[in-house]
């Protein structure tokens, strides 16, 4: 006795030409989005480092940490 299972999966050839053309025109789009997000994150990190190296912010953060550690 043999049991078989049939699964209906469309073959790549079954796609319409417009569907295939849309996919090909968007190839590399995700990579570009990742590149832009990576550059934005690096720029944000640079700005954050510049702000944290400033004397006013550094003193405020040091004061905040010292007060948090001595309260408990």
Protein backbone atom coordinates (compact mmCIF):
# COMPACT_ATOMS: atom_id res chain seq x y z
CA UNK A 1 0.00 0.00 0.00
CA UNK A 2 1.50 3.33 -1.10
CA UNK A 3 0.35 6.69 0.21
CA UNK A 4 1.18 9.76 -1.84
CA UNK A 5 0.69 13.38 -1.01
CA UNK A 6 0.09 15.93 -3.72
CA UNK A 7 1.06 19.53 -3.06
CA UNK A 8 0.05 22.23 -5.50
CA UNK A 9 3.09 24.44 -5.94
CA UNK A 10 3.35 26.74 -8.94
CA UNK A 11 6.42 26.21 -11.04
CA UNK A 12 8.56 29.24 -11.90
CA UNK A 13 7.45 28.89 -15.53
CA UNK A 14 3.83 29.38 -14.45
CA UNK A 15 4.39 33.01 -13.47
CA UNK A 16 3.16 35.66 -15.85
CA UNK A 17 5.67 37.79 -17.71
CA UNK A 18 4.64 40.97 -15.86
CA UNK A 19 5.15 39.27 -12.51
CA UNK A 20 8.62 38.11 -13.52
CA UNK A 21 9.49 41.54 -14.96
CA UNK A 22 8.49 43.33 -11.75
CA UNK A 23 10.68 41.02 -9.70
CA UNK A 24 13.68 41.54 -11.96
CA UNK A 25 13.31 45.33 -11.90
CA UNK A 26 13.43 45.30 -8.08
CA UNK A 27 16.47 43.07 -7.77
CA UNK A 28 19.06 44.68 -5.52
CA UNK A 29 16.50 46.96 -3.90
CA UNK A 30 16.81 45.26 -0.50
CA UNK A 31 20.58 45.55 -0.67
CA UNK A 32 20.31 49.29 -1.34
CA UNK A 33 17.92 49.68 1.59
CA UNK A 34 20.36 47.86 3.89
CA UNK A 35 23.21 50.07 2.66
CA UNK A 36 21.23 53.25 3.36
CA UNK A 37 20.21 52.00 6.82
CA UNK A 38 23.84 51.10 7.60
CA UNK A 39 25.06 54.54 6.54
CA UNK A 40 22.35 56.21 8.62
CA UNK A 41 23.31 54.13 11.67
CA UNK A 42 26.98 55.00 11.22
CA UNK A 43 26.15 58.71 10.89
CA UNK A 44 23.98 58.56 14.01
CA UNK A 45 26.80 56.83 15.90
CA UNK A 46 29.22 59.55 14.80
CA UNK A 47 26.90 62.32 15.97
CA UNK A 48 26.32 60.49 19.26
CA UNK A 49 30.05 60.14 19.84
CA UNK A 50 30.59 63.84 19.13
CA UNK A 51 27.86 64.78 21.59
CA UNK A 52 29.12 62.43 24.29
CA UNK A 53 32.68 63.73 23.99
CA UNK A 54 31.46 67.25 24.77
CA UNK A 55 32.20 68.45 28.31
CA UNK A 56 28.64 69.38 29.30
CA UNK A 57 27.07 66.06 28.36
CA UNK A 58 29.96 64.06 29.80
CA UNK A 59 29.67 65.87 33.14
CA UNK A 60 25.90 65.41 33.21
CA UNK A 61 26.17 61.67 32.50
CA UNK A 62 28.94 61.22 35.08
CA UNK A 63 26.85 63.04 37.67
CA UNK A 64 23.80 60.92 36.83
CA UNK A 65 25.73 57.66 37.13
CA UNK A 66 27.38 58.69 40.41
CA UNK A 67 24.06 59.67 41.95
CA UNK A 68 22.47 56.41 40.81
CA UNK A 69 25.31 54.36 42.35
CA UNK A 70 25.40 56.22 45.66
CA UNK A 71 21.62 56.27 46.24
CA UNK A 72 21.24 52.52 46.70
